Amino acid sequence: MKRRTLLALAASTVLLAACGQSNTNEADTTATDTTSTGGSDLLQRINNGGTINVGTEGTYPPFTYHDESGKLTGYDVEVTRAVADKLGVDVEFKETQWDAMLAGLDSKRFDMVANQVSLTTPERQAKYDKSMAYSWSGAVALAPTDDNRYSSWDGLKGLRTAQSLSSNYGELAEKYGAEIVPVDGMAQAIQLVKQDRADFTMNDNLAVLDYLKKFPDSDLEIKLTAPPSEQTGSGLVLIKGNDEVVAKLDEAMAALAADGTLTKLSEEFFGADVSQQK
């Protein structure tokens, strides 16, 4: 299941997310598994103030997209630019469709990927390394602001939740005893909650924060958030064999966390700090 698809399939102008997906990117990783031979070259470019090449979609707001002026921007893009600035290097983005993203990394078309990638499967963990996470994702419950019934996840028992029938979030809600009200996606789920035809809806926190930033007068708010142990972090992803580069990326990312840059960028794109586990 995919965070990429989760946010990309959201309804019309409400936001680019959809129920029924989970919070990790998935892609075809069946390309020939090669050991990275470009690690020393990448490290040399970083040490010499050269250019790093980064794969990203450019069509996946609010993470990587083009603004009204045509400039490539988004949370992942701006974090990557900030990392490059800390490293003292230039960055060149290679816009690539998601389905070809990791294959492009495998073929060394670019050095790393900035596109909400989480290494949650053994296959990915065996093949790729990830920098320190710059965003954290997990399930949240969204309900009317004046509804005070949400003191714990166990309190969802007997409540109505608007979810896609194939959704991981629907399965999670059923686990806590909630009654499923079927919907096609997040936009419809939110409408049912606002119309009191459902009590709440569950989705990925990044998708929900994106919605709340776009619609601050919705009279909805996040009531429950998944514990840290159930949250997934996304970072810059590289082919294994770049340990020294990953260490430099981690050092830069830690500096951006310490000086408040990650928090500032989080609030710019989400209206909340998604760079830390909550």
C-alpha atoms as a PDB file:
ATOM      1  CA  MET A   1       0.000   0.000   0.000  1.00  0.00           C
ATOM      2  CA  LYS A   2       1.299   3.474  -0.668  1.00  0.00           C
ATOM      3  CA  ARG A   3       1.479   6.879   0.819  1.00  0.00           C
ATOM      4  CA  ARG A   4       2.217   8.144  -2.713  1.00  0.00           C
ATOM      5  CA  THR A   5      -1.094   6.820  -3.985  1.00  0.00           C
ATOM      6  CA  LEU A   6      -2.886   7.784  -0.793  1.00  0.00           C
ATOM      7  CA  LEU A   7      -2.303  11.463  -1.381  1.00  0.00           C
ATOM      8  CA  ALA A   8      -2.477  11.372  -5.152  1.00  0.00           C
ATOM      9  CA  LEU A   9      -5.973   9.917  -5.330  1.00  0.00           C
ATOM     10  CA  ALA A  10      -7.754  12.415  -3.075  1.00  0.00           C
ATOM     11  CA  ALA A  11     -10.847  14.009  -4.397  1.00  0.00           C
ATOM     12  CA  SER A  12     -10.892  16.963  -6.788  1.00  0.00           C
ATOM     13  CA  THR A  13      -9.909  20.230  -5.155  1.00  0.00           C
ATOM     14  CA  VAL A  14     -10.148  19.101  -1.560  1.00  0.00           C
ATOM     15  CA  LEU A  15      -6.660  17.548  -1.400  1.00  0.00           C
ATOM     16  CA  LEU A  16      -4.468  15.024  -3.058  1.00  0.00           C
ATOM     17  CA  ALA A  17      -5.075  12.101  -0.747  1.00  0.00           C
ATOM     18  CA  ALA A  18      -7.421   9.139  -0.615  1.00  0.00           C
ATOM     19  CA  CYS A  19      -8.590   6.688   1.970  1.00  0.00           C
ATOM     20  CA  GLY A  20      -7.625   3.157   1.282  1.00  0.00           C
ATOM     21  CA  GLN A  21      -3.910   3.630   1.228  1.00  0.00           C
ATOM     22  CA  SER A  22      -1.258   3.362   3.857  1.00  0.00           C
ATOM     23  CA  ASN A  23       1.605   5.606   4.648  1.00  0.00           C
ATOM     24  CA  THR A  24       4.542   4.259   2.650  1.00  0.00           C
ATOM     25  CA  ASN A  25       5.557   4.634  -0.961  1.00  0.00           C
ATOM     26  CA  GLU A  26       5.772   1.443  -2.968  1.00  0.00           C
ATOM     27  CA  ALA A  27       7.374   0.949  -6.351  1.00  0.00           C
ATOM     28  CA  ASP A  28       8.701  -1.695  -8.701  1.00  0.00           C
ATOM     29  CA  THR A  29      12.026  -2.636  -7.194  1.00  0.00           C
ATOM     30  CA  THR A  30      12.579  -5.597  -9.492  1.00  0.00           C
ATOM     31  CA  ALA A  31      15.264  -3.822 -11.497  1.00  0.00           C
ATOM     32  CA  THR A  32      18.628  -5.562 -11.531  1.00  0.00           C
ATOM     33  CA  ASP A  33      20.056  -5.401  -8.037  1.00  0.00           C
ATOM     34  CA  THR A  34      23.469  -3.809  -8.390  1.00  0.00           C
ATOM     35  CA  THR A  35      25.887  -2.760  -5.717  1.00  0.00           C
ATOM     36  CA  SER A  36      26.488   0.964  -5.878  1.00  0.00           C
ATOM     37  CA  THR A  37      29.805   1.856  -7.503  1.00  0.00           C
ATOM     38  CA  GLY A  38      29.056   5.561  -7.412  1.00  0.00           C
ATOM     39  CA  GLY A  39      29.380   5.998  -3.658  1.00  0.00           C
ATOM     40  CA  SER A  40      32.948   7.286  -3.766  1.00  0.00           C
ATOM     41  CA  ASP A  41      32.086   9.614  -6.650  1.00  0.00           C
ATOM     42  CA  LEU A  42      29.097  11.029  -4.766  1.00  0.00           C
ATOM     43  CA  LEU A  43      31.165  11.476  -1.624  1.00  0.00           C
ATOM     44  CA  GLN A  44      33.860  13.234  -3.638  1.00  0.00           C
ATOM     45  CA  ARG A  45      31.302  15.587  -5.179  1.00  0.00           C
ATOM     46  CA  ILE A  46      29.943  16.439  -1.736  1.00  0.00           C
ATOM     47  CA  ASN A  47      33.410  16.981  -0.301  1.00  0.00           C
ATOM     48  CA  ASN A  48      34.353  19.195  -3.260  1.00  0.00           C
ATOM     49  CA  GLY A  49      31.184  21.285  -3.249  1.00  0.00           C
ATOM     50  CA  GLY A  50      29.869  19.769  -6.473  1.00  0.00           C
ATOM     51  CA  THR A  51      26.319  18.852  -7.519  1.00  0.00           C
ATOM     52  CA  ILE A  52      24.040  16.125  -6.188  1.00  0.00           C
ATOM     53  CA  ASN A  53      21.289  14.736  -8.422  1.00  0.00           C
ATOM     54  CA  VAL A  54      17.962  14.011  -6.759  1.00  0.00           C
ATOM     55  CA  GLY A  55      14.973  12.139  -8.154  1.00  0.00           C
ATOM     56  CA  THR A  56      11.523  13.539  -7.374  1.00  0.00           C
ATOM     57  CA  GLU A  57       8.096  13.548  -9.013  1.00  0.00           C
ATOM     58  CA  GLY A  58       7.215  17.201  -9.278  1.00  0.00           C
ATOM     59  CA  THR A  59       3.519  16.264  -9.437  1.00  0.00           C
ATOM     60  CA  TYR A  60       2.838  15.247  -5.830  1.00  0.00           C
ATOM     61  CA  PRO A  61       1.753  18.219  -3.694  1.00  0.00           C
ATOM     62  CA  PRO A  62       2.465  19.283  -1.044  1.00  0.00           C
ATOM     63  CA  PHE A  63       5.698  17.283  -1.180  1.00  0.00           C
ATOM     64  CA  THR A  64       7.021  17.900  -4.687  1.00  0.00           C
ATOM     65  CA  TYR A  65       5.180  20.030  -7.250  1.00  0.00           C
ATOM     66  CA  HIS A  66       5.329  23.182  -9.371  1.00  0.00           C
ATOM     67  CA  ASP A  67       3.841  26.381  -7.969  1.00  0.00           C
ATOM     68  CA  GLU A  68       1.867  28.920 -10.004  1.00  0.00           C
ATOM     69  CA  SER A  69       5.072  30.455 -11.328  1.00  0.00           C
ATOM     70  CA  GLY A  70       6.293  27.050 -12.503  1.00  0.00           C
ATOM     71  CA  LYS A  71       8.978  26.718  -9.829  1.00  0.00           C
ATOM     72  CA  LEU A  72       9.603  23.241  -8.453  1.00  0.00           C
ATOM     73  CA  THR A  73       8.813  23.332  -4.741  1.00  0.00           C
ATOM     74  CA  GLY A  74       7.173  21.313  -1.970  1.00  0.00           C
ATOM     75  CA  TYR A  75       8.192  20.086   1.444  1.00  0.00           C
ATOM     76  CA  ASP A  76      10.535  17.330   0.240  1.00  0.00           C
ATOM     77  CA  VAL A  77      12.056  19.634  -2.384  1.00  0.00           C
ATOM     78  CA  GLU A  78      12.727  22.490   0.038  1.00  0.00           C
ATOM     79  CA  VAL A  79      14.133  20.142   2.689  1.00  0.00           C
ATOM     80  CA  THR A  80      16.508  18.758   0.050  1.00  0.00           C
ATOM     81  CA  ARG A  81      17.570  22.269  -0.934  1.00  0.00           C
ATOM     82  CA  ALA A  82      18.224  23.076   2.722  1.00  0.00           C
ATOM     83  CA  VAL A  83      20.300  19.900   3.121  1.00  0.00           C
ATOM     84  CA  ALA A  84      22.310  20.786   0.015  1.00  0.00           C
ATOM     85  CA  ASP A  85      22.922  24.250   1.420  1.00  0.00           C
ATOM     86  CA  LYS A  86      24.186  22.775   4.699  1.00  0.00           C
ATOM     87  CA  LEU A  87      26.494  20.466   2.731  1.00  0.00           C
ATOM     88  CA  GLY A  88      27.735  23.318   0.567  1.00  0.00           C
ATOM     89  CA  VAL A  89      26.694  21.641  -2.690  1.00  0.00           C
ATOM     90  CA  ASP A  90      24.345  22.397  -5.557  1.00  0.00           C
ATOM     91  CA  VAL A  91      21.299  20.220  -6.185  1.00  0.00           C
ATOM     92  CA  GLU A  92      19.779  19.245  -9.512  1.00  0.00           C
ATOM     93  CA  PHE A  93      16.344  17.631  -9.456  1.00  0.00           C
ATOM     94  CA  LYS A  94      15.474  14.910 -11.963  1.00  0.00           C
ATOM     95  CA  GLU A  95      11.698  14.772 -12.293  1.00  0.00           C
ATOM     96  CA  THR A  96      10.580  11.179 -12.691  1.00  0.00           C
ATOM     97  CA  GLN A  97       7.309   9.255 -12.530  1.00  0.00           C
ATOM     98  CA  TRP A  98       6.938   7.392  -9.263  1.00  0.00           C
ATOM     99  CA  ASP A  99       6.775   3.960 -10.889  1.00  0.00           C
ATOM    100  CA  ALA A 100      10.248   4.565 -12.359  1.00  0.00           C
ATOM    101  CA  MET A 101      11.736   6.332  -9.338  1.00  0.00           C
ATOM    102  CA  LEU A 102      13.615   3.533  -7.631  1.00  0.00           C
ATOM    103  CA  ALA A 103      14.602   2.032 -10.976  1.00  0.00           C
ATOM    104  CA  GLY A 104      16.182   5.404 -11.772  1.00  0.00           C
ATOM    105  CA  LEU A 105      18.066   5.223  -8.488  1.00  0.00           C
ATOM    106  CA  ASP A 106      19.179   1.669  -9.301  1.00  0.00           C
ATOM    107  CA  SER A 107      20.491   2.761 -12.700  1.00  0.00           C
ATOM    108  CA  LYS A 108      22.283   5.749 -11.101  1.00  0.00           C
ATOM    109  CA  ARG A 109      20.293   8.287 -13.070  1.00  0.00           C
ATOM    110  CA  PHE A 110      20.329  10.199  -9.801  1.00  0.00           C
ATOM    111  CA  ASP A 111      22.105   9.882  -6.479  1.00  0.00           C
ATOM    112  CA  MET A 112      19.139   9.860  -4.139  1.00  0.00           C
ATOM    113  CA  VAL A 113      15.360  10.219  -4.014  1.00  0.00           C
ATOM    114  CA  ALA A 114      13.299  12.863  -2.206  1.00  0.00           C
ATOM    115  CA  ASN A 115       9.699  11.708  -2.588  1.00  0.00           C
ATOM    116  CA  GLN A 116       8.213  10.531   0.710  1.00  0.00           C
ATOM    117  CA  VAL A 117       9.936   7.158   0.570  1.00  0.00           C
ATOM    118  CA  SER A 118       9.800   4.862   3.603  1.00  0.00           C
ATOM    119  CA  LEU A 119      11.912   1.727   3.865  1.00  0.00           C
ATOM    120  CA  THR A 120       9.329  -0.432   5.587  1.00  0.00           C
ATOM    121  CA  THR A 121       9.824  -3.758   3.773  1.00  0.00           C
ATOM    122  CA  PRO A 122      12.760  -6.186   4.157  1.00  0.00           C
ATOM    123  CA  GLU A 123      13.314  -5.993   0.390  1.00  0.00           C
ATOM    124  CA  ARG A 124      13.763  -2.239   0.502  1.00  0.00           C
ATOM    125  CA  GLN A 125      15.868  -2.306   3.635  1.00  0.00           C
ATOM    126  CA  ALA A 126      18.222  -4.825   2.009  1.00  0.00           C
ATOM    127  CA  LYS A 127      18.706  -2.656  -1.067  1.00  0.00           C
ATOM    128  CA  TYR A 128      18.523   0.966   0.088  1.00  0.00           C
ATOM    129  CA  ASP A 129      19.636   3.230   2.897  1.00  0.00           C
ATOM    130  CA  LYS A 130      17.724   6.226   4.247  1.00  0.00           C
ATOM    131  CA  SER A 131      18.827   9.430   5.875  1.00  0.00           C
ATOM    132  CA  MET A 132      17.444  10.720   9.144  1.00  0.00           C
ATOM    133  CA  ALA A 133      13.693  11.142   8.664  1.00  0.00           C
ATOM    134  CA  TYR A 134      12.379  14.603   7.854  1.00  0.00           C
ATOM    135  CA  SER A 135       8.684  13.689   8.055  1.00  0.00           C
ATOM    136  CA  TRP A 136       6.623  11.265  10.114  1.00  0.00           C
ATOM    137  CA  SER A 137       3.336   9.704   9.128  1.00  0.00           C
ATOM    138  CA  GLY A 138       0.680   7.696  10.929  1.00  0.00           C
ATOM    139  CA  ALA A 139      -3.046   7.218  11.314  1.00  0.00           C
ATOM    140  CA  VAL A 140      -5.175  10.004  12.777  1.00  0.00           C
ATOM    141  CA  ALA A 141      -8.879  10.379  13.533  1.00  0.00           C
ATOM    142  CA  LEU A 142     -10.564  13.518  12.167  1.00  0.00           C
ATOM    143  CA  ALA A 143     -13.845  14.661  13.745  1.00  0.00           C
ATOM    144  CA  PRO A 144     -15.863  17.823  14.433  1.00  0.00           C
ATOM    145  CA  THR A 145     -14.092  20.265  16.717  1.00  0.00           C
ATOM    146  CA  ASP A 146     -16.925  20.278  19.271  1.00  0.00           C
ATOM    147  CA  ASP A 147     -17.122  16.467  19.560  1.00  0.00           C
ATOM    148  CA  ASN A 148     -15.353  15.463  22.792  1.00  0.00           C
ATOM    149  CA  ARG A 149     -15.797  11.701  22.677  1.00  0.00           C
ATOM    150  CA  TYR A 150     -12.235  10.914  21.581  1.00  0.00           C
ATOM    151  CA  SER A 151     -10.181  10.332  24.711  1.00  0.00           C
ATOM    152  CA  SER A 152      -8.578   7.094  23.441  1.00  0.00           C
ATOM    153  CA  TRP A 153      -8.556   4.754  20.459  1.00  0.00           C
ATOM    154  CA  ASP A 154     -10.683   2.295  22.424  1.00  0.00           C
ATOM    155  CA  GLY A 155     -13.318   5.026  22.627  1.00  0.00           C
ATOM    156  CA  LEU A 156     -14.031   4.555  18.905  1.00  0.00           C
ATOM    157  CA  LYS A 157     -16.170   1.511  19.675  1.00  0.00           C
ATOM    158  CA  GLY A 158     -19.702   1.982  18.386  1.00  0.00           C
ATOM    159  CA  LEU A 159     -18.929   5.211  16.497  1.00  0.00           C
ATOM    160  CA  ARG A 160     -19.480   5.596  12.747  1.00  0.00           C
ATOM    161  CA  THR A 161     -16.400   6.134  10.592  1.00  0.00           C
ATOM    162  CA  ALA A 162     -16.415   7.071   6.901  1.00  0.00           C
ATOM    163  CA  GLN A 163     -13.837   4.856   5.181  1.00  0.00           C
ATOM    164  CA  SER A 164     -13.107   3.131   1.912  1.00  0.00           C
ATOM    165  CA  LEU A 165     -13.910  -0.572   2.219  1.00  0.00           C
ATOM    166  CA  SER A 166     -10.418  -1.491   1.011  1.00  0.00           C
ATOM    167  CA  SER A 167      -8.712   0.952   3.343  1.00  0.00           C
ATOM    168  CA  ASN A 168      -6.093   0.020   5.929  1.00  0.00           C
ATOM    169  CA  TYR A 169      -7.671   2.734   8.040  1.00  0.00           C
ATOM    170  CA  GLY A 170     -11.052   1.055   7.733  1.00  0.00           C
ATOM    171  CA  GLU A 171      -9.515  -2.168   9.008  1.00  0.00           C
ATOM    172  CA  LEU A 172      -7.943  -0.270  11.887  1.00  0.00           C
ATOM    173  CA  ALA A 173     -11.255   1.386  12.762  1.00  0.00           C
ATOM    174  CA  GLU A 174     -13.010  -1.988  12.738  1.00  0.00           C
ATOM    175  CA  LYS A 175     -10.306  -3.317  15.045  1.00  0.00           C
ATOM    176  CA  TYR A 176     -11.431  -0.715  17.588  1.00  0.00           C
ATOM    177  CA  GLY A 177     -15.098  -1.577  17.101  1.00  0.00           C
ATOM    178  CA  ALA A 178     -16.166   1.332  14.894  1.00  0.00           C
ATOM    179  CA  GLU A 179     -18.968   0.961  12.343  1.00  0.00           C
ATOM    180  CA  ILE A 180     -17.842   1.508   8.744  1.00  0.00           C
ATOM    181  CA  VAL A 181     -19.786   3.930   6.554  1.00  0.00           C
ATOM    182  CA  PRO A 182     -18.512   3.145   3.016  1.00  0.00           C
ATOM    183  CA  VAL A 183     -17.093   5.981   0.887  1.00  0.00           C
ATOM    184  CA  ASP A 184     -15.030   6.302  -2.275  1.00  0.00           C
ATOM    185  CA  GLY A 185     -12.328   8.549  -0.884  1.00  0.00           C
ATOM    186  CA  MET A 186     -11.235  11.153   1.621  1.00  0.00           C
ATOM    187  CA  ALA A 187     -13.232  14.043   0.138  1.00  0.00           C
ATOM    188  CA  GLN A 188     -16.498  12.100   0.452  1.00  0.00           C
ATOM    189  CA  ALA A 189     -15.525  10.893   3.934  1.00  0.00           C
ATOM    190  CA  ILE A 190     -15.034  14.455   5.128  1.00  0.00           C
ATOM    191  CA  GLN A 191     -18.363  15.518   3.662  1.00  0.00           C
ATOM    192  CA  LEU A 192     -20.188  12.745   5.524  1.00  0.00           C
ATOM    193  CA  VAL A 193     -18.538  13.775   8.791  1.00  0.00           C
ATOM    194  CA  LYS A 194     -19.512  17.399   8.237  1.00  0.00           C
ATOM    195  CA  GLN A 195     -23.080  16.307   7.439  1.00  0.00           C
ATOM    196  CA  ASP A 196     -23.235  14.179  10.631  1.00  0.00           C
ATOM    197  CA  ARG A 197     -23.708  11.024   8.555  1.00  0.00           C
ATOM    198  CA  ALA A 198     -20.494   9.710  10.111  1.00  0.00           C
ATOM    199  CA  ASP A 199     -18.821  10.560  13.398  1.00  0.00           C
ATOM    200  CA  PHE A 200     -15.219  10.622  12.190  1.00  0.00           C
ATOM    201  CA  THR A 201     -12.836   9.464   9.487  1.00  0.00           C
ATOM    202  CA  MET A 202      -9.330   8.059   9.691  1.00  0.00           C
ATOM    203  CA  ASN A 203      -6.464   8.763   7.332  1.00  0.00           C
ATOM    204  CA  ASP A 204      -2.782   9.573   7.131  1.00  0.00           C
ATOM    205  CA  ASN A 205      -1.801  12.574   9.257  1.00  0.00           C
ATOM    206  CA  LEU A 206       0.010  14.279   6.352  1.00  0.00           C
ATOM    207  CA  ALA A 207      -3.092  14.079   4.169  1.00  0.00           C
ATOM    208  CA  VAL A 208      -5.291  15.385   6.973  1.00  0.00           C
ATOM    209  CA  LEU A 209      -2.905  18.232   7.828  1.00  0.00           C
ATOM    210  CA  ASP A 210      -2.812  19.196   4.149  1.00  0.00           C
ATOM    211  CA  TYR A 211      -6.622  19.373   4.148  1.00  0.00           C
ATOM    212  CA  LEU A 212      -6.809  21.383   7.375  1.00  0.00           C
ATOM    213  CA  LYS A 213      -4.247  23.877   6.078  1.00  0.00           C
ATOM    214  CA  LYS A 214      -6.278  24.394   2.906  1.00  0.00           C
ATOM    215  CA  PHE A 215      -9.582  24.564   4.780  1.00  0.00           C
ATOM    216  CA  PRO A 216      -8.893  26.129   8.196  1.00  0.00           C
ATOM    217  CA  ASP A 217     -12.599  26.948   8.697  1.00  0.00           C
ATOM    218  CA  SER A 218     -13.767  23.357   8.276  1.00  0.00           C
ATOM    219  CA  ASP A 219     -14.710  23.000  11.989  1.00  0.00           C
ATOM    220  CA  LEU A 220     -12.832  19.706  12.021  1.00  0.00           C
ATOM    221  CA  GLU A 221      -9.737  18.733  13.968  1.00  0.00           C
ATOM    222  CA  ILE A 222      -7.451  15.801  14.636  1.00  0.00           C
ATOM    223  CA  LYS A 223      -8.688  13.964  17.729  1.00  0.00           C
ATOM    224  CA  LEU A 224      -6.368  10.957  17.923  1.00  0.00           C
ATOM    225  CA  THR A 225      -2.850  10.349  16.625  1.00  0.00           C
ATOM    226  CA  ALA A 226      -1.052   7.037  16.225  1.00  0.00           C
ATOM    227  CA  PRO A 227       1.651   6.425  18.858  1.00  0.00           C
ATOM    228  CA  PRO A 228       5.299   6.878  17.773  1.00  0.00           C
ATOM    229  CA  SER A 229       5.770   3.110  17.493  1.00  0.00           C
ATOM    230  CA  GLU A 230       3.159   3.054  14.721  1.00  0.00           C
ATOM    231  CA  GLN A 231       4.492   6.059  12.789  1.00  0.00           C
ATOM    232  CA  THR A 232       6.670   5.819   9.692  1.00  0.00           C
ATOM    233  CA  GLY A 233       9.524   8.183   8.850  1.00  0.00           C
ATOM    234  CA  SER A 234      10.489   9.294   5.347  1.00  0.00           C
ATOM    235  CA  GLY A 235      13.969  10.479   4.424  1.00  0.00           C
ATOM    236  CA  LEU A 236      16.354  10.816   1.504  1.00  0.00           C
ATOM    237  CA  VAL A 237      16.923   7.358   0.027  1.00  0.00           C
ATOM    238  CA  LEU A 238      20.144   6.070  -1.536  1.00  0.00           C
ATOM    239  CA  ILE A 239      21.437   2.744  -2.798  1.00  0.00           C
ATOM    240  CA  LYS A 240      23.362   0.846  -0.132  1.00  0.00           C
ATOM    241  CA  GLY A 241      27.092   1.406  -0.129  1.00  0.00           C
ATOM    242  CA  ASN A 242      26.995   5.125   0.620  1.00  0.00           C
ATOM    243  CA  ASP A 243      27.518   4.999   4.386  1.00  0.00           C
ATOM    244  CA  GLU A 244      29.733   8.083   4.534  1.00  0.00           C
ATOM    245  CA  VAL A 245      27.263  10.038   2.420  1.00  0.00           C
ATOM    246  CA  VAL A 246      24.359   8.977   4.650  1.00  0.00           C
ATOM    247  CA  ALA A 247      26.351  10.129   7.675  1.00  0.00           C
ATOM    248  CA  LYS A 248      26.842  13.546   6.063  1.00  0.00           C
ATOM    249  CA  LEU A 249      23.133  13.756   5.182  1.00  0.00           C
ATOM    250  CA  ASP A 250      22.225  12.838   8.765  1.00  0.00           C
ATOM    251  CA  GLU A 251      24.556  15.500  10.117  1.00  0.00           C
ATOM    252  CA  ALA A 252      22.985  18.120   7.841  1.00  0.00           C
ATOM    253  CA  MET A 253      19.444  16.956   8.691  1.00  0.00           C
ATOM    254  CA  ALA A 254      20.195  17.069  12.416  1.00  0.00           C
ATOM    255  CA  ALA A 255      21.481  20.621  12.031  1.00  0.00           C
ATOM    256  CA  LEU A 256      18.291  21.611  10.196  1.00  0.00           C
ATOM    257  CA  ALA A 257      16.237  20.100  13.012  1.00  0.00           C
ATOM    258  CA  ALA A 258      18.291  21.907  15.646  1.00  0.00           C
ATOM    259  CA  ASP A 259      18.143  25.336  13.999  1.00  0.00           C
ATOM    260  CA  GLY A 260      14.388  25.109  13.395  1.00  0.00           C
ATOM    261  CA  THR A 261      14.510  24.859   9.591  1.00  0.00           C
ATOM    262  CA  LEU A 262      12.588  21.582   9.437  1.00  0.00           C
ATOM    263  CA  THR A 263       9.918  22.936  11.761  1.00  0.00           C
ATOM    264  CA  LYS A 264       9.628  26.129   9.693  1.00  0.00           C
ATOM    265  CA  LEU A 265       9.267  24.205   6.428  1.00  0.00           C
ATOM    266  CA  SER A 266       6.775  21.803   8.034  1.00  0.00           C
ATOM    267  CA  GLU A 267       4.591  24.675   9.178  1.00  0.00           C
ATOM    268  CA  GLU A 268       4.859  26.343   5.772  1.00  0.00           C
ATOM    269  CA  PHE A 269       3.516  23.322   3.918  1.00  0.00           C
ATOM    270  CA  PHE A 270       1.349  21.594   6.570  1.00  0.00           C
ATOM    271  CA  GLY A 271       0.545  24.168   9.225  1.00  0.00           C
ATOM    272  CA  ALA A 272       2.126  21.847  11.800  1.00  0.00           C
ATOM    273  CA  ASP A 273       5.495  20.270  12.577  1.00  0.00           C
ATOM    274  CA  VAL A 274       5.678  16.894  10.809  1.00  0.00           C
ATOM    275  CA  SER A 275       9.462  16.596  11.189  1.00  0.00           C
ATOM    276  CA  GLN A 276       9.205  15.032  14.637  1.00  0.00           C
ATOM    277  CA  GLN A 277       7.324  12.045  15.994  1.00  0.00           C
ATOM    278  CA  LYS A 278       4.327  13.070  18.040  1.00  0.00           C
END
